[in-house]
Amino acid sequence: MQDVVTRVSLLRRPRILSRAARLGAANYCRQRDLRRILGYGGLPKPAAAVMRLLEMESALNTARKAGEAGYSMIRHVDVLIALAGEAACLRAPGRPGEAKTAALADRRSRAAESAAPCP
């Protein structure tokens, strides 16, 4: 059996889905996004979250391939973004999400400094 990071790296999806997920992963916030995608309860550890997200993504991909009317590309991209973010948490040294959270906070503070005040 493969480890979770290998399973994520072996996913092959259409370029448009992959690109949207890669771009969205830059703004991934575990507390906000993972809770919205998984729904109820507390947040699982990154490895458990990746496993649940892989199951959800597999079901969405099957629906996409079958052309089901209930398929949502937006939901599929959301799950792929969370999958990329959680995989990054697993790869990051130290606590899960520590490096990603620090980088995101730094980026947001620089953006807030350069933004013009709203009227």
PDB file of N, CA and C in Angstrom:
ATOM      1  N   MET A   1       0.839  -1.190   0.000  1.00  0.00           N
ATOM      2  CA  MET A   1       0.000   0.000   0.000  1.00  0.00           C
ATOM      3  C   MET A   1       0.879   1.247   0.000  1.00  0.00           C
ATOM      4  N   GLN A   2       0.453   2.264  -0.712  1.00  0.00           N
ATOM      5  CA  GLN A   2       1.220   3.495  -0.835  1.00  0.00           C
ATOM      6  C   GLN A   2       0.896   4.442   0.315  1.00  0.00           C
ATOM      7  N   ASP A   3       1.858   5.296   0.641  1.00  0.00           N
ATOM      8  CA  ASP A   3       1.579   6.298   1.658  1.00  0.00           C
ATOM      9  C   ASP A   3       0.703   7.392   1.038  1.00  0.00           C
ATOM     10  N   VAL A   4       0.142   8.241   1.880  1.00  0.00           N
ATOM     11  CA  VAL A   4      -0.845   9.209   1.412  1.00  0.00           C
ATOM     12  C   VAL A   4      -0.246  10.265   0.493  1.00  0.00           C
ATOM     13  N   VAL A   5       0.971  10.699   0.755  1.00  0.00           N
ATOM     14  CA  VAL A   5       1.595  11.720  -0.093  1.00  0.00           C
ATOM     15  C   VAL A   5       1.831  11.162  -1.492  1.00  0.00           C
ATOM     16  N   THR A   6       2.239   9.891  -1.583  1.00  0.00           N
ATOM     17  CA  THR A   6       2.444   9.259  -2.882  1.00  0.00           C
ATOM     18  C   THR A   6       1.123   9.135  -3.628  1.00  0.00           C
ATOM     19  N   ARG A   7       0.075   8.779  -2.917  1.00  0.00           N
ATOM     20  CA  ARG A   7      -1.242   8.659  -3.563  1.00  0.00           C
ATOM     21  C   ARG A   7      -1.702   9.999  -4.124  1.00  0.00           C
ATOM     22  N   VAL A   8      -1.448  11.069  -3.397  1.00  0.00           N
ATOM     23  CA  VAL A   8      -1.833  12.396  -3.878  1.00  0.00           C
ATOM     24  C   VAL A   8      -0.997  12.776  -5.098  1.00  0.00           C
ATOM     25  N   SER A   9       0.288  12.493  -5.049  1.00  0.00           N
ATOM     26  CA  SER A   9       1.156  12.875  -6.166  1.00  0.00           C
ATOM     27  C   SER A   9       0.873  12.057  -7.423  1.00  0.00           C
ATOM     28  N   LEU A  10       0.269  10.887  -7.285  1.00  0.00           N
ATOM     29  CA  LEU A  10      -0.036  10.045  -8.445  1.00  0.00           C
ATOM     30  C   LEU A  10      -1.389  10.359  -9.087  1.00  0.00           C
ATOM     31  N   LEU A  11      -2.156  11.284  -8.503  1.00  0.00           N
ATOM     32  CA  LEU A  11      -3.447  11.651  -9.093  1.00  0.00           C
ATOM     33  C   LEU A  11      -3.224  12.299 -10.457  1.00  0.00           C
ATOM     34  N   ARG A  12      -3.991  11.883 -11.425  1.00  0.00           N
ATOM     35  CA  ARG A  12      -3.945  12.463 -12.771  1.00  0.00           C
ATOM     36  C   ARG A  12      -5.345  12.943 -13.119  1.00  0.00           C
ATOM     37  N   ARG A  13      -5.470  14.253 -13.234  1.00  0.00           N
ATOM     38  CA  ARG A  13      -6.752  14.857 -13.543  1.00  0.00           C
ATOM     39  C   ARG A  13      -6.580  15.807 -14.718  1.00  0.00           C
ATOM     40  N   PRO A  14      -7.696  16.228 -15.341  1.00  0.00           N
ATOM     41  CA  PRO A  14      -7.583  17.188 -16.446  1.00  0.00           C
ATOM     42  C   PRO A  14      -6.823  18.441 -16.021  1.00  0.00           C
ATOM     43  N   ARG A  15      -6.119  18.999 -16.970  1.00  0.00           N
ATOM     44  CA  ARG A  15      -5.241  20.142 -16.692  1.00  0.00           C
ATOM     45  C   ARG A  15      -5.982  21.302 -16.045  1.00  0.00           C
ATOM     46  N   ILE A  16      -7.205  21.564 -16.474  1.00  0.00           N
ATOM     47  CA  ILE A  16      -7.956  22.695 -15.921  1.00  0.00           C
ATOM     48  C   ILE A  16      -8.246  22.494 -14.431  1.00  0.00           C
ATOM     49  N   LEU A  17      -8.582  21.271 -14.034  1.00  0.00           N
ATOM     50  CA  LEU A  17      -8.828  20.983 -12.617  1.00  0.00           C
ATOM     51  C   LEU A  17      -7.537  21.098 -11.812  1.00  0.00           C
ATOM     52  N   SER A  18      -6.465  20.533 -12.347  1.00  0.00           N
ATOM     53  CA  SER A  18      -5.177  20.567 -11.647  1.00  0.00           C
ATOM     54  C   SER A  18      -4.683  22.001 -11.466  1.00  0.00           C
ATOM     55  N   ARG A  19      -4.815  22.789 -12.513  1.00  0.00           N
ATOM     56  CA  ARG A  19      -4.331  24.169 -12.440  1.00  0.00           C
ATOM     57  C   ARG A  19      -5.155  24.991 -11.448  1.00  0.00           C
ATOM     58  N   ALA A  20      -6.462  24.822 -11.481  1.00  0.00           N
ATOM     59  CA  ALA A  20      -7.327  25.541 -10.544  1.00  0.00           C
ATOM     60  C   ALA A  20      -7.002  25.156  -9.104  1.00  0.00           C
ATOM     61  N   ALA A  21      -6.746  23.876  -8.874  1.00  0.00           N
ATOM     62  CA  ALA A  21      -6.408  23.415  -7.524  1.00  0.00           C
ATOM     63  C   ALA A  21      -5.059  23.976  -7.077  1.00  0.00           C
ATOM     64  N   ARG A  22      -4.094  24.002  -7.978  1.00  0.00           N
ATOM     65  CA  ARG A  22      -2.769  24.531  -7.636  1.00  0.00           C
ATOM     66  C   ARG A  22      -2.858  26.007  -7.279  1.00  0.00           C
ATOM     67  N   LEU A  23      -3.625  26.766  -8.054  1.00  0.00           N
ATOM     68  CA  LEU A  23      -3.781  28.196  -7.768  1.00  0.00           C
ATOM     69  C   LEU A  23      -4.546  28.429  -6.470  1.00  0.00           C
ATOM     70  N   GLY A  24      -5.570  27.642  -6.239  1.00  0.00           N
ATOM     71  CA  GLY A  24      -6.361  27.796  -5.024  1.00  0.00           C
ATOM     72  C   GLY A  24      -5.638  27.362  -3.767  1.00  0.00           C
ATOM     73  N   ALA A  25      -4.703  26.430  -3.891  1.00  0.00           N
ATOM     74  CA  ALA A  25      -3.973  25.921  -2.727  1.00  0.00           C
ATOM     75  C   ALA A  25      -3.128  27.004  -2.067  1.00  0.00           C
ATOM     76  N   ALA A  26      -2.772  28.046  -2.823  1.00  0.00           N
ATOM     77  CA  ALA A  26      -1.987  29.140  -2.248  1.00  0.00           C
ATOM     78  C   ALA A  26      -2.759  29.872  -1.155  1.00  0.00           C
ATOM     79  N   ASN A  27      -4.086  29.865  -1.229  1.00  0.00           N
ATOM     80  CA  ASN A  27      -4.913  30.559  -0.235  1.00  0.00           C
ATOM     81  C   ASN A  27      -5.664  29.600   0.676  1.00  0.00           C
ATOM     82  N   TYR A  28      -5.229  28.350   0.733  1.00  0.00           N
ATOM     83  CA  TYR A  28      -5.903  27.342   1.541  1.00  0.00           C
ATOM     84  C   TYR A  28      -5.723  27.642   3.026  1.00  0.00           C
ATOM     85  N   CYS A  29      -6.829  27.641   3.745  1.00  0.00           N
ATOM     86  CA  CYS A  29      -6.819  27.824   5.194  1.00  0.00           C
ATOM     87  C   CYS A  29      -7.480  26.586   5.799  1.00  0.00           C
ATOM     88  N   ARG A  30      -6.717  25.828   6.538  1.00  0.00           N
ATOM     89  CA  ARG A  30      -7.192  24.546   7.060  1.00  0.00           C
ATOM     90  C   ARG A  30      -8.441  24.700   7.920  1.00  0.00           C
ATOM     91  N   GLN A  31      -8.426  25.638   8.833  1.00  0.00           N
ATOM     92  CA  GLN A  31      -9.563  25.825   9.744  1.00  0.00           C
ATOM     93  C   GLN A  31     -10.845  26.137   8.988  1.00  0.00           C
ATOM     94  N   ARG A  32     -10.758  27.024   8.042  1.00  0.00           N
ATOM     95  CA  ARG A  32     -11.940  27.468   7.308  1.00  0.00           C
ATOM     96  C   ARG A  32     -12.364  26.461   6.242  1.00  0.00           C
ATOM     97  N   ASP A  33     -11.440  26.090   5.380  1.00  0.00           N
ATOM     98  CA  ASP A  33     -11.784  25.301   4.196  1.00  0.00           C
ATOM     99  C   ASP A  33     -12.055  23.836   4.503  1.00  0.00           C
ATOM    100  N   LEU A  34     -11.234  23.230   5.343  1.00  0.00           N
ATOM    101  CA  LEU A  34     -11.417  21.813   5.630  1.00  0.00           C
ATOM    102  C   LEU A  34     -12.721  21.575   6.387  1.00  0.00           C
ATOM    103  N   ARG A  35     -13.031  22.469   7.300  1.00  0.00           N
ATOM    104  CA  ARG A  35     -14.290  22.348   8.048  1.00  0.00           C
ATOM    105  C   ARG A  35     -15.490  22.470   7.103  1.00  0.00           C
ATOM    106  N   ARG A  36     -15.406  23.355   6.125  1.00  0.00           N
ATOM    107  CA  ARG A  36     -16.491  23.537   5.163  1.00  0.00           C
ATOM    108  C   ARG A  36     -16.648  22.303   4.266  1.00  0.00           C
ATOM    109  N   ILE A  37     -15.540  21.716   3.863  1.00  0.00           N
ATOM    110  CA  ILE A  37     -15.595  20.571   2.952  1.00  0.00           C
ATOM    111  C   ILE A  37     -16.005  19.290   3.659  1.00  0.00           C
ATOM    112  N   LEU A  38     -15.414  19.037   4.835  1.00  0.00           N
ATOM    113  CA  LEU A  38     -15.720  17.793   5.545  1.00  0.00           C
ATOM    114  C   LEU A  38     -17.034  17.855   6.304  1.00  0.00           C
ATOM    115  N   GLY A  39     -17.456  19.059   6.640  1.00  0.00           N
ATOM    116  CA  GLY A  39     -18.750  19.185   7.298  1.00  0.00           C
ATOM    117  C   GLY A  39     -18.644  19.234   8.809  1.00  0.00           C
ATOM    118  N   TYR A  40     -19.129  18.253   9.459  1.00  0.00           N
ATOM    119  CA  TYR A  40     -19.323  18.263  10.901  1.00  0.00           C
ATOM    120  C   TYR A  40     -18.079  17.794  11.661  1.00  0.00           C
ATOM    121  N   GLY A  41     -18.097  18.025  12.978  1.00  0.00           N
ATOM    122  CA  GLY A  41     -17.053  17.503  13.863  1.00  0.00           C
ATOM    123  C   GLY A  41     -15.781  18.316  13.851  1.00  0.00           C
ATOM    124  N   GLY A  42     -14.834  17.826  14.650  1.00  0.00           N
ATOM    125  CA  GLY A  42     -13.537  18.458  14.729  1.00  0.00           C
ATOM    126  C   GLY A  42     -12.689  18.140  13.513  1.00  0.00           C
ATOM    127  N   LEU A  43     -11.610  18.872  13.401  1.00  0.00           N
ATOM    128  CA  LEU A  43     -10.714  18.649  12.266  1.00  0.00           C
ATOM    129  C   LEU A  43      -9.829  17.427  12.522  1.00  0.00           C
ATOM    130  N   PRO A  44      -9.765  16.523  11.551  1.00  0.00           N
ATOM    131  CA  PRO A  44      -8.884  15.356  11.718  1.00  0.00           C
ATOM    132  C   PRO A  44      -7.437  15.745  11.480  1.00  0.00           C
ATOM    133  N   LYS A  45      -6.531  14.855  11.836  1.00  0.00           N
ATOM    134  CA  LYS A  45      -5.119  15.074  11.545  1.00  0.00           C
ATOM    135  C   LYS A  45      -4.931  15.071  10.034  1.00  0.00           C
ATOM    136  N   PRO A  46      -3.849  15.693   9.540  1.00  0.00           N
ATOM    137  CA  PRO A  46      -3.667  15.803   8.089  1.00  0.00           C
ATOM    138  C   PRO A  46      -3.724  14.478   7.334  1.00  0.00           C
ATOM    139  N   ALA A  47      -3.130  13.411   7.854  1.00  0.00           N
ATOM    140  CA  ALA A  47      -3.138  12.129   7.144  1.00  0.00           C
ATOM    141  C   ALA A  47      -4.561  11.578   7.039  1.00  0.00           C
ATOM    142  N   ALA A  48      -5.321  11.682   8.108  1.00  0.00           N
ATOM    143  CA  ALA A  48      -6.708  11.217   8.079  1.00  0.00           C
ATOM    144  C   ALA A  48      -7.551  12.087   7.152  1.00  0.00           C
ATOM    145  N   ALA A  49      -7.280  13.387   7.160  1.00  0.00           N
ATOM    146  CA  ALA A  49      -8.009  14.289   6.275  1.00  0.00           C
ATOM    147  C   ALA A  49      -7.720  13.959   4.819  1.00  0.00           C
ATOM    148  N   VAL A  50      -6.465  13.663   4.497  1.00  0.00           N
ATOM    149  CA  VAL A  50      -6.101  13.316   3.120  1.00  0.00           C
ATOM    150  C   VAL A  50      -6.837  12.055   2.687  1.00  0.00           C
ATOM    151  N   MET A  51      -6.925  11.075   3.558  1.00  0.00           N
ATOM    152  CA  MET A  51      -7.623   9.834   3.209  1.00  0.00           C
ATOM    153  C   MET A  51      -9.103  10.099   2.916  1.00  0.00           C
ATOM    154  N   ARG A  52      -9.745  10.900   3.760  1.00  0.00           N
ATOM    155  CA  ARG A  52     -11.157  11.227   3.529  1.00  0.00           C
ATOM    156  C   ARG A  52     -11.332  12.036   2.252  1.00  0.00           C
ATOM    157  N   LEU A  53     -10.417  12.972   2.017  1.00  0.00           N
ATOM    158  CA  LEU A  53     -10.493  13.789   0.811  1.00  0.00           C
ATOM    159  C   LEU A  53     -10.258  12.956  -0.449  1.00  0.00           C
ATOM    160  N   LEU A  54      -9.360  11.971  -0.358  1.00  0.00           N
ATOM    161  CA  LEU A  54      -9.121  11.088  -1.497  1.00  0.00           C
ATOM    162  C   LEU A  54     -10.384  10.296  -1.852  1.00  0.00           C
ATOM    163  N   GLU A  55     -11.102   9.844  -0.822  1.00  0.00           N
ATOM    164  CA  GLU A  55     -12.360   9.126  -1.069  1.00  0.00           C
ATOM    165  C   GLU A  55     -13.393  10.041  -1.730  1.00  0.00           C
ATOM    166  N   MET A  56     -13.502  11.268  -1.219  1.00  0.00           N
ATOM    167  CA  MET A  56     -14.448  12.222  -1.782  1.00  0.00           C
ATOM    168  C   MET A  56     -14.081  12.562  -3.229  1.00  0.00           C
ATOM    169  N   GLU A  57     -12.801  12.751  -3.471  1.00  0.00           N
ATOM    170  CA  GLU A  57     -12.336  13.117  -4.809  1.00  0.00           C
ATOM    171  C   GLU A  57     -12.566  11.982  -5.784  1.00  0.00           C
ATOM    172  N   SER A  58     -12.372  10.766  -5.343  1.00  0.00           N
ATOM    173  CA  SER A  58     -12.595   9.612  -6.203  1.00  0.00           C
ATOM    174  C   SER A  58     -14.064   9.533  -6.636  1.00  0.00           C
ATOM    175  N   ALA A  59     -14.966   9.782  -5.696  1.00  0.00           N
ATOM    176  CA  ALA A  59     -16.401   9.772  -6.019  1.00  0.00           C
ATOM    177  C   ALA A  59     -16.743  10.903  -6.992  1.00  0.00           C
ATOM    178  N   LEU A  60     -16.155  12.069  -6.779  1.00  0.00           N
ATOM    179  CA  LEU A  60     -16.398  13.188  -7.685  1.00  0.00           C
ATOM    180  C   LEU A  60     -15.848  12.910  -9.077  1.00  0.00           C
ATOM    181  N   ASN A  61     -14.676  12.300  -9.141  1.00  0.00           N
ATOM    182  CA  ASN A  61     -14.082  11.988 -10.434  1.00  0.00           C
ATOM    183  C   ASN A  61     -14.911  10.955 -11.191  1.00  0.00           C
ATOM    184  N   THR A  62     -15.446   9.981 -10.468  1.00  0.00           N
ATOM    185  CA  THR A  62     -16.323   8.984 -11.094  1.00  0.00           C
ATOM    186  C   THR A  62     -17.573   9.651 -11.658  1.00  0.00           C
ATOM    187  N   ALA A  63     -18.134  10.579 -10.897  1.00  0.00           N
ATOM    188  CA  ALA A  63     -19.313  11.310 -11.358  1.00  0.00           C
ATOM    189  C   ALA A  63     -18.977  12.169 -12.581  1.00  0.00           C
ATOM    190  N   ARG A  64     -17.793  12.774 -12.585  1.00  0.00           N
ATOM    191  CA  ARG A  64     -17.361  13.588 -13.726  1.00  0.00           C
ATOM    192  C   ARG A  64     -17.253  12.743 -14.982  1.00  0.00           C
ATOM    193  N   LYS A  65     -16.604  11.593 -14.851  1.00  0.00           N
ATOM    194  CA  LYS A  65     -16.412  10.717 -16.003  1.00  0.00           C
ATOM    195  C   LYS A  65     -17.738  10.162 -16.526  1.00  0.00           C
ATOM    196  N   ALA A  66     -18.675   9.905 -15.621  1.00  0.00           N
ATOM    197  CA  ALA A  66     -19.975   9.356 -16.012  1.00  0.00           C
ATOM    198  C   ALA A  66     -20.908  10.418 -16.565  1.00  0.00           C
ATOM    199  N   GLY A  67     -20.549  11.692 -16.392  1.00  0.00           N
ATOM    200  CA  GLY A  67     -21.399  12.774 -16.879  1.00  0.00           C
ATOM    201  C   GLY A  67     -22.667  12.932 -16.074  1.00  0.00           C
ATOM    202  N   GLU A  68     -22.613  12.618 -14.796  1.00  0.00           N
ATOM    203  CA  GLU A  68     -23.796  12.717 -13.942  1.00  0.00           C
ATOM    204  C   GLU A  68     -24.261  14.165 -13.808  1.00  0.00           C
ATOM    205  N   ALA A  69     -25.562  14.336 -13.732  1.00  0.00           N
ATOM    206  CA  ALA A  69     -26.148  15.674 -13.639  1.00  0.00           C
ATOM    207  C   ALA A  69     -25.806  16.355 -12.317  1.00  0.00           C
ATOM    208  N   GLY A  70     -25.591  15.591 -11.263  1.00  0.00           N
ATOM    209  CA  GLY A  70     -25.304  16.152  -9.956  1.00  0.00           C
ATOM    210  C   GLY A  70     -23.847  16.518  -9.728  1.00  0.00           C
ATOM    211  N   TYR A  71     -23.002  16.295 -10.727  1.00  0.00           N
ATOM    212  CA  TYR A  71     -21.575  16.598 -10.585  1.00  0.00           C
ATOM    213  C   TYR A  71     -21.360  18.108 -10.509  1.00  0.00           C
ATOM    214  N   SER A  72     -20.542  18.520  -9.550  1.00  0.00           N
ATOM    215  CA  SER A  72     -20.214  19.929  -9.389  1.00  0.00           C
ATOM    216  C   SER A  72     -18.704  20.122  -9.555  1.00  0.00           C
ATOM    217  N   MET A  73     -18.331  20.846 -10.596  1.00  0.00           N
ATOM    218  CA  MET A  73     -16.909  21.114 -10.821  1.00  0.00           C
ATOM    219  C   MET A  73     -16.345  21.986  -9.699  1.00  0.00           C
ATOM    220  N   ILE A  74     -17.149  22.885  -9.186  1.00  0.00           N
ATOM    221  CA  ILE A  74     -16.703  23.757  -8.099  1.00  0.00           C
ATOM    222  C   ILE A  74     -16.376  22.927  -6.866  1.00  0.00           C
ATOM    223  N   ARG A  75     -17.233  21.993  -6.540  1.00  0.00           N
ATOM    224  CA  ARG A  75     -16.988  21.101  -5.399  1.00  0.00           C
ATOM    225  C   ARG A  75     -15.732  20.270  -5.639  1.00  0.00           C
ATOM    226  N   HIS A  76     -15.545  19.795  -6.866  1.00  0.00           N
ATOM    227  CA  HIS A  76     -14.384  18.990  -7.206  1.00  0.00           C
ATOM    228  C   HIS A  76     -13.102  19.805  -7.014  1.00  0.00           C
ATOM    229  N   VAL A  77     -13.107  21.044  -7.481  1.00  0.00           N
ATOM    230  CA  VAL A  77     -11.938  21.908  -7.312  1.00  0.00           C
ATOM    231  C   VAL A  77     -11.704  22.194  -5.834  1.00  0.00           C
ATOM    232  N   ASP A  78     -12.751  22.428  -5.067  1.00  0.00           N
ATOM    233  CA  ASP A  78     -12.607  22.655  -3.622  1.00  0.00           C
ATOM    234  C   ASP A  78     -11.924  21.469  -2.937  1.00  0.00           C
ATOM    235  N   VAL A  79     -12.348  20.269  -3.293  1.00  0.00           N
ATOM    236  CA  VAL A  79     -11.762  19.066  -2.695  1.00  0.00           C
ATOM    237  C   VAL A  79     -10.303  18.921  -3.124  1.00  0.00           C
ATOM    238  N   LEU A  80     -10.005  19.209  -4.384  1.00  0.00           N
ATOM    239  CA  LEU A  80      -8.620  19.131  -4.853  1.00  0.00           C
ATOM    240  C   LEU A  80      -7.731  20.171  -4.181  1.00  0.00           C
ATOM    241  N   ILE A  81      -8.270  21.364  -3.937  1.00  0.00           N
ATOM    242  CA  ILE A  81      -7.519  22.401  -3.219  1.00  0.00           C
ATOM    243  C   ILE A  81      -7.204  21.925  -1.806  1.00  0.00           C
ATOM    244  N   ALA A  82      -8.205  21.398  -1.124  1.00  0.00           N
ATOM    245  CA  ALA A  82      -7.986  20.891   0.235  1.00  0.00           C
ATOM    246  C   ALA A  82      -6.989  19.744   0.240  1.00  0.00           C
ATOM    247  N   LEU A  83      -7.061  18.895  -0.766  1.00  0.00           N
ATOM    248  CA  LEU A  83      -6.140  17.773  -0.888  1.00  0.00           C
ATOM    249  C   LEU A  83      -4.706  18.270  -1.048  1.00  0.00           C
ATOM    250  N   ALA A  84      -4.515  19.269  -1.891  1.00  0.00           N
ATOM    251  CA  ALA A  84      -3.180  19.842  -2.085  1.00  0.00           C
ATOM    252  C   ALA A  84      -2.686  20.527  -0.814  1.00  0.00           C
ATOM    253  N   GLY A  85      -3.585  21.235  -0.134  1.00  0.00           N
ATOM    254  CA  GLY A  85      -3.202  21.908   1.110  1.00  0.00           C
ATOM    255  C   GLY A  85      -2.843  20.940   2.216  1.00  0.00           C
ATOM    256  N   GLU A  86      -3.616  19.884   2.360  1.00  0.00           N
ATOM    257  CA  GLU A  86      -3.334  18.886   3.392  1.00  0.00           C
ATOM    258  C   GLU A  86      -2.051  18.110   3.070  1.00  0.00           C
ATOM    259  N   ALA A  87      -1.814  17.827   1.800  1.00  0.00           N
ATOM    260  CA  ALA A  87      -0.573  17.152   1.420  1.00  0.00           C
ATOM    261  C   ALA A  87       0.621  18.044   1.726  1.00  0.00           C
ATOM    262  N   ALA A  88       0.466  19.357   1.531  1.00  0.00           N
ATOM    263  CA  ALA A  88       1.534  20.291   1.878  1.00  0.00           C
ATOM    264  C   ALA A  88       1.775  20.301   3.385  1.00  0.00           C
ATOM    265  N   CYS A  89       0.709  20.170   4.172  1.00  0.00           N
ATOM    266  CA  CYS A  89       0.855  20.090   5.633  1.00  0.00           C
ATOM    267  C   CYS A  89       1.656  18.857   6.027  1.00  0.00           C
ATOM    268  N   LEU A  90       1.428  17.760   5.327  1.00  0.00           N
ATOM    269  CA  LEU A  90       2.160  16.530   5.627  1.00  0.00           C
ATOM    270  C   LEU A  90       3.636  16.649   5.260  1.00  0.00           C
ATOM    271  N   ARG A  91       3.922  17.354   4.181  1.00  0.00           N
ATOM    272  CA  ARG A  91       5.314  17.501   3.730  1.00  0.00           C
ATOM    273  C   ARG A  91       6.095  18.524   4.543  1.00  0.00           C
ATOM    274  N   ALA A  92       5.402  19.498   5.141  1.00  0.00           N
ATOM    275  CA  ALA A  92       6.065  20.585   5.859  1.00  0.00           C
ATOM    276  C   ALA A  92       6.729  20.064   7.129  1.00  0.00           C
ATOM    277  N   PRO A  93       7.942  20.549   7.421  1.00  0.00           N
ATOM    278  CA  PRO A  93       8.595  20.153   8.664  1.00  0.00           C
ATOM    279  C   PRO A  93       7.912  20.804   9.866  1.00  0.00           C
ATOM    280  N   GLY A  94       8.026  20.187  11.003  1.00  0.00           N
ATOM    281  CA  GLY A  94       7.419  20.736  12.220  1.00  0.00           C
ATOM    282  C   GLY A  94       5.955  20.375  12.314  1.00  0.00           C
ATOM    283  N   ARG A  95       5.203  21.189  13.016  1.00  0.00           N
ATOM    284  CA  ARG A  95       3.770  20.944  13.175  1.00  0.00           C
ATOM    285  C   ARG A  95       3.048  21.072  11.854  1.00  0.00           C
ATOM    286  N   PRO A  96       1.956  20.314  11.665  1.00  0.00           N
ATOM    287  CA  PRO A  96       1.198  20.394  10.419  1.00  0.00           C
ATOM    288  C   PRO A  96       0.667  21.800  10.185  1.00  0.00           C
ATOM    289  N   GLY A  97       0.954  22.329   9.011  1.00  0.00           N
ATOM    290  CA  GLY A  97       0.447  23.631   8.639  1.00  0.00           C
ATOM    291  C   GLY A  97       1.226  24.804   9.167  1.00  0.00           C
ATOM    292  N   GLU A  98       2.264  24.553   9.970  1.00  0.00           N
ATOM    293  CA  GLU A  98       3.004  25.638  10.595  1.00  0.00           C
ATOM    294  C   GLU A  98       3.686  26.538   9.561  1.00  0.00           C
ATOM    295  N   ALA A  99       4.418  25.949   8.641  1.00  0.00           N
ATOM    296  CA  ALA A  99       5.130  26.725   7.627  1.00  0.00           C
ATOM    297  C   ALA A  99       4.140  27.408   6.688  1.00  0.00           C
ATOM    298  N   LYS A 100       3.106  26.718   6.309  1.00  0.00           N
ATOM    299  CA  LYS A 100       2.111  27.258   5.389  1.00  0.00           C
ATOM    300  C   LYS A 100       1.378  28.432   6.037  1.00  0.00           C
ATOM    301  N   THR A 101       1.032  28.297   7.313  1.00  0.00           N
ATOM    302  CA  THR A 101       0.306  29.355   8.015  1.00  0.00           C
ATOM    303  C   THR A 101       1.178  30.596   8.163  1.00  0.00           C
ATOM    304  N   ALA A 102       2.458  30.405   8.475  1.00  0.00           N
ATOM    305  CA  ALA A 102       3.360  31.535   8.625  1.00  0.00           C
ATOM    306  C   ALA A 102       3.549  32.261   7.297  1.00  0.00           C
ATOM    307  N   ALA A 103       3.708  31.515   6.223  1.00  0.00           N
ATOM    308  CA  ALA A 103       3.888  32.122   4.908  1.00  0.00           C
ATOM    309  C   ALA A 103       2.634  32.875   4.482  1.00  0.00           C
ATOM    310  N   LEU A 104       1.470  32.306   4.753  1.00  0.00           N
ATOM    311  CA  LEU A 104       0.212  32.944   4.387  1.00  0.00           C
ATOM    312  C   LEU A 104       0.000  34.223   5.197  1.00  0.00           C
ATOM    313  N   ALA A 105       0.309  34.200   6.480  1.00  0.00           N
ATOM    314  CA  ALA A 105       0.158  35.383   7.319  1.00  0.00           C
ATOM    315  C   ALA A 105       1.079  36.501   6.844  1.00  0.00           C
ATOM    316  N   ASP A 106       2.304  36.135   6.455  1.00  0.00           N
ATOM    317  CA  ASP A 106       3.250  37.119   5.950  1.00  0.00           C
ATOM    318  C   ASP A 106       2.749  37.727   4.651  1.00  0.00           C
ATOM    319  N   ARG A 107       2.239  36.896   3.750  1.00  0.00           N
ATOM    320  CA  ARG A 107       1.722  37.365   2.465  1.00  0.00           C
ATOM    321  C   ARG A 107       0.521  38.280   2.670  1.00  0.00           C
ATOM    322  N   ARG A 108      -0.359  37.918   3.594  1.00  0.00           N
ATOM    323  CA  ARG A 108      -1.547  38.742   3.845  1.00  0.00           C
ATOM    324  C   ARG A 108      -1.175  40.092   4.449  1.00  0.00           C
ATOM    325  N   SER A 109      -0.196  40.100   5.347  1.00  0.00           N
ATOM    326  CA  SER A 109       0.191  41.371   5.960  1.00  0.00           C
ATOM    327  C   SER A 109       0.817  42.295   4.925  1.00  0.00           C
ATOM    328  N   ARG A 110       1.619  41.743   3.992  1.00  0.00           N
ATOM    329  CA  ARG A 110       2.195  42.571   2.937  1.00  0.00           C
ATOM    330  C   ARG A 110       1.110  43.089   1.999  1.00  0.00           C
ATOM    331  N   ALA A 111       0.114  42.272   1.712  1.00  0.00           N
ATOM    332  CA  ALA A 111      -0.977  42.694   0.837  1.00  0.00           C
ATOM    333  C   ALA A 111      -1.809  43.786   1.506  1.00  0.00           C
ATOM    334  N   ALA A 112      -2.020  43.667   2.804  1.00  0.00           N
ATOM    335  CA  ALA A 112      -2.810  44.670   3.529  1.00  0.00           C
ATOM    336  C   ALA A 112      -2.078  46.002   3.567  1.00  0.00           C
ATOM    337  N   GLU A 113      -0.753  45.974   3.669  1.00  0.00           N
ATOM    338  CA  GLU A 113       0.028  47.205   3.687  1.00  0.00           C
ATOM    339  C   GLU A 113      -0.039  47.937   2.357  1.00  0.00           C
ATOM    340  N   SER A 114      -0.039  47.153   1.258  1.00  0.00           N
ATOM    341  CA  SER A 114      -0.012  47.771  -0.067  1.00  0.00           C
ATOM    342  C   SER A 114      -1.403  48.118  -0.595  1.00  0.00           C
ATOM    343  N   ALA A 115      -2.427  47.646   0.043  1.00  0.00           N
ATOM    344  CA  ALA A 115      -3.793  47.880  -0.447  1.00  0.00           C
ATOM    345  C   ALA A 115      -4.231  49.311  -0.120  1.00  0.00           C
ATOM    346  N   ALA A 116      -4.942  49.886  -1.066  1.00  0.00           N
ATOM    347  CA  ALA A 116      -5.489  51.239  -0.839  1.00  0.00           C
ATOM    348  C   ALA A 116      -6.703  51.119   0.069  1.00  0.00           C
ATOM    349  N   PRO A 117      -6.914  52.118   0.932  1.00  0.00           N
ATOM    350  CA  PRO A 117      -8.080  52.050   1.819  1.00  0.00           C
ATOM    351  C   PRO A 117      -9.377  52.139   1.019  1.00  0.00           C
ATOM    352  N   CYS A 118     -10.365  51.392   1.495  1.00  0.00           N
ATOM    353  CA  CYS A 118     -11.679  51.391   0.829  1.00  0.00           C
ATOM    354  C   CYS A 118     -12.462  52.633   1.220  1.00  0.00           C
ATOM    355  N   PRO A 119     -13.225  53.203   0.278  1.00  0.00           N
ATOM    356  CA  PRO A 119     -14.026  54.399   0.619  1.00  0.00           C
ATOM    357  C   PRO A 119     -15.187  54.086   1.506  1.00  0.00           C
TER     358      PRO A 119
END
